[in-house]
Structures are given as C-alpha cells and as structure tokens.
Amino acid sequence: MRASEDFGVFGWAAKSAMLCLGPGEEHPALHQPDYDFPKDLIPVGARIFDRIARDLLY
C-alpha cells in the first residue's frame, strides 16, 4: 500500500476507518507526474461508499 496519511489522528476523537482505492502497484502513484486517474474507479468507489452508508443507516 502506498498511502501515507496521518489519518490515525482522527481516530483519537471518534471511531474511524480509512479506505484506499487505487489502480494498484502497476500504475504510477498519486502525485507522480505520469499519474493518470483511472476513471473506471469512480463506480467502484461509489458502490463501496453506498454500501458503507447503507450498513451504517440500517
């Protein structure tokens, strides 16, 4: 995993979870000059967040 966030701080105040969605190790990392956002990840991310929201609401 290439994510490098200081996300743990949020967990001090409330329950938290971190989700990293990316094209995989075979593609350039975010913030690299040759990074090209794979638009086919948008529906995947939308379905994931839809499921999370539904699980929390019901």
N, C-alpha and C. Protein backbone atom coordinates (compact mmCIF):
# COMPACT_ATOMS: atom_id res chain seq x y z
N MET A 1 0.84 -1.17 0.00
CA MET A 1 0.00 0.00 0.00
C MET A 1 0.89 1.23 0.00
N ARG A 2 0.56 2.19 -0.82
CA ARG A 2 1.37 3.39 -0.94
C ARG A 2 0.77 4.59 -0.21
N ALA A 3 -0.35 4.41 0.44
CA ALA A 3 -0.97 5.55 1.14
C ALA A 3 -0.07 6.01 2.27
N SER A 4 0.02 7.29 2.46
CA SER A 4 0.83 7.83 3.56
C SER A 4 0.09 9.02 4.15
N GLU A 5 -0.92 8.76 4.92
CA GLU A 5 -1.75 9.79 5.53
C GLU A 5 -1.55 9.77 7.04
N ASP A 6 -1.78 10.90 7.67
CA ASP A 6 -1.78 10.97 9.12
C ASP A 6 -3.19 10.75 9.64
N PHE A 7 -3.85 9.76 9.12
CA PHE A 7 -5.26 9.53 9.39
C PHE A 7 -5.51 9.09 10.83
N GLY A 8 -4.55 8.47 11.47
CA GLY A 8 -4.74 7.97 12.83
C GLY A 8 -5.20 9.02 13.81
N VAL A 9 -4.88 10.27 13.57
CA VAL A 9 -5.28 11.36 14.47
C VAL A 9 -6.80 11.43 14.58
N PHE A 10 -7.52 11.18 13.49
CA PHE A 10 -8.99 11.23 13.53
C PHE A 10 -9.56 10.20 14.49
N GLY A 11 -8.91 9.08 14.61
CA GLY A 11 -9.37 8.02 15.49
C GLY A 11 -9.27 8.35 16.96
N TRP A 12 -8.56 9.40 17.30
CA TRP A 12 -8.47 9.80 18.71
C TRP A 12 -9.80 10.36 19.21
N ALA A 13 -10.57 10.99 18.34
CA ALA A 13 -11.79 11.68 18.75
C ALA A 13 -13.06 10.87 18.45
N ALA A 14 -13.03 9.99 17.48
CA ALA A 14 -14.22 9.24 17.09
C ALA A 14 -13.80 7.96 16.38
N LYS A 15 -14.72 7.03 16.29
CA LYS A 15 -14.43 5.82 15.53
C LYS A 15 -14.11 6.22 14.10
N SER A 16 -13.16 5.56 13.51
CA SER A 16 -12.76 5.93 12.15
C SER A 16 -12.30 4.71 11.38
N ALA A 17 -12.28 4.87 10.09
CA ALA A 17 -11.77 3.84 9.18
C ALA A 17 -11.19 4.55 7.97
N MET A 18 -10.17 3.96 7.40
CA MET A 18 -9.54 4.55 6.22
C MET A 18 -9.68 3.58 5.06
N LEU A 19 -10.06 4.10 3.93
CA LEU A 19 -10.21 3.30 2.73
C LEU A 19 -9.30 3.88 1.66
N CYS A 20 -8.47 3.05 1.09
CA CYS A 20 -7.61 3.47 -0.01
C CYS A 20 -8.08 2.77 -1.27
N LEU A 21 -8.44 3.53 -2.26
CA LEU A 21 -8.91 2.99 -3.53
C LEU A 21 -7.96 3.47 -4.62
N GLY A 22 -7.34 2.55 -5.29
CA GLY A 22 -6.39 2.92 -6.33
C GLY A 22 -6.27 1.84 -7.39
N PRO A 23 -5.53 2.12 -8.45
CA PRO A 23 -5.43 1.18 -9.56
C PRO A 23 -4.44 0.04 -9.33
N GLY A 24 -3.70 0.07 -8.24
CA GLY A 24 -2.75 -1.00 -7.96
C GLY A 24 -1.30 -0.56 -8.14
N GLU A 25 -0.42 -1.42 -7.75
CA GLU A 25 1.02 -1.13 -7.75
C GLU A 25 1.60 -0.98 -9.16
N GLU A 26 0.92 -1.52 -10.16
CA GLU A 26 1.47 -1.47 -11.52
C GLU A 26 1.25 -0.12 -12.20
N HIS A 27 0.54 0.80 -11.53
CA HIS A 27 0.28 2.14 -12.07
C HIS A 27 1.06 3.18 -11.27
N PRO A 28 1.35 4.33 -11.86
CA PRO A 28 2.05 5.38 -11.12
C PRO A 28 1.25 5.83 -9.90
N ALA A 29 1.95 6.19 -8.85
CA ALA A 29 1.31 6.63 -7.61
C ALA A 29 0.76 8.05 -7.75
N LEU A 30 -0.21 8.36 -6.92
CA LEU A 30 -0.76 9.71 -6.86
C LEU A 30 0.37 10.70 -6.62
N HIS A 31 0.28 11.86 -7.20
CA HIS A 31 1.26 12.95 -7.10
C HIS A 31 2.52 12.70 -7.94
N GLN A 32 2.53 11.63 -8.72
CA GLN A 32 3.63 11.42 -9.66
C GLN A 32 3.28 12.14 -10.97
N PRO A 33 4.26 12.66 -11.69
CA PRO A 33 3.96 13.42 -12.91
C PRO A 33 3.22 12.61 -13.97
N ASP A 34 3.42 11.30 -14.00
CA ASP A 34 2.76 10.47 -15.02
C ASP A 34 1.48 9.80 -14.52
N TYR A 35 1.00 10.23 -13.34
CA TYR A 35 -0.25 9.66 -12.81
C TYR A 35 -1.42 10.09 -13.67
N ASP A 36 -2.27 9.15 -14.01
CA ASP A 36 -3.48 9.42 -14.79
C ASP A 36 -4.63 8.72 -14.06
N PHE A 37 -5.56 9.50 -13.51
CA PHE A 37 -6.64 8.92 -12.72
C PHE A 37 -7.47 7.96 -13.57
N PRO A 38 -7.58 6.71 -13.13
CA PRO A 38 -8.38 5.75 -13.88
C PRO A 38 -9.87 5.96 -13.58
N LYS A 39 -10.57 6.54 -14.53
CA LYS A 39 -11.98 6.90 -14.34
C LYS A 39 -12.87 5.70 -14.06
N ASP A 40 -12.42 4.49 -14.41
CA ASP A 40 -13.23 3.31 -14.13
C ASP A 40 -13.29 2.99 -12.64
N LEU A 41 -12.50 3.70 -11.82
CA LEU A 41 -12.57 3.51 -10.37
C LEU A 41 -13.74 4.27 -9.74
N ILE A 42 -14.31 5.25 -10.45
CA ILE A 42 -15.40 6.05 -9.89
C ILE A 42 -16.60 5.18 -9.51
N PRO A 43 -17.11 4.32 -10.39
CA PRO A 43 -18.24 3.49 -9.99
C PRO A 43 -17.90 2.51 -8.87
N VAL A 44 -16.67 2.03 -8.85
CA VAL A 44 -16.24 1.12 -7.77
C VAL A 44 -16.30 1.85 -6.44
N GLY A 45 -15.71 3.04 -6.38
CA GLY A 45 -15.73 3.83 -5.15
C GLY A 45 -17.14 4.20 -4.73
N ALA A 46 -17.97 4.55 -5.70
CA ALA A 46 -19.36 4.91 -5.40
C ALA A 46 -20.10 3.73 -4.78
N ARG A 47 -19.91 2.54 -5.32
CA ARG A 47 -20.56 1.35 -4.75
C ARG A 47 -20.06 1.05 -3.34
N ILE A 48 -18.78 1.23 -3.11
CA ILE A 48 -18.22 0.98 -1.78
C ILE A 48 -18.83 1.94 -0.77
N PHE A 49 -18.84 3.23 -1.09
CA PHE A 49 -19.38 4.21 -0.14
C PHE A 49 -20.89 4.06 0.01
N ASP A 50 -21.59 3.66 -1.04
CA ASP A 50 -23.02 3.39 -0.94
C ASP A 50 -23.26 2.27 0.07
N ARG A 51 -22.48 1.21 -0.02
CA ARG A 51 -22.64 0.08 0.89
C ARG A 51 -22.31 0.47 2.33
N ILE A 52 -21.26 1.24 2.52
CA ILE A 52 -20.90 1.70 3.86
C ILE A 52 -22.04 2.52 4.45
N ALA A 53 -22.57 3.47 3.68
CA ALA A 53 -23.66 4.31 4.17
C ALA A 53 -24.88 3.48 4.51
N ARG A 54 -25.25 2.55 3.65
CA ARG A 54 -26.42 1.70 3.91
C ARG A 54 -26.21 0.84 5.15
N ASP A 55 -25.02 0.29 5.32
CA ASP A 55 -24.74 -0.52 6.50
C ASP A 55 -24.84 0.30 7.78
N LEU A 56 -24.41 1.54 7.73
CA LEU A 56 -24.47 2.39 8.92
C LEU A 56 -25.89 2.86 9.22
N LEU A 57 -26.70 3.03 8.19
CA LEU A 57 -28.07 3.52 8.38
C LEU A 57 -29.05 2.42 8.77
N TYR A 58 -28.80 1.21 8.33
CA TYR A 58 -29.76 0.14 8.58
C TYR A 58 -29.15 -0.88 9.46
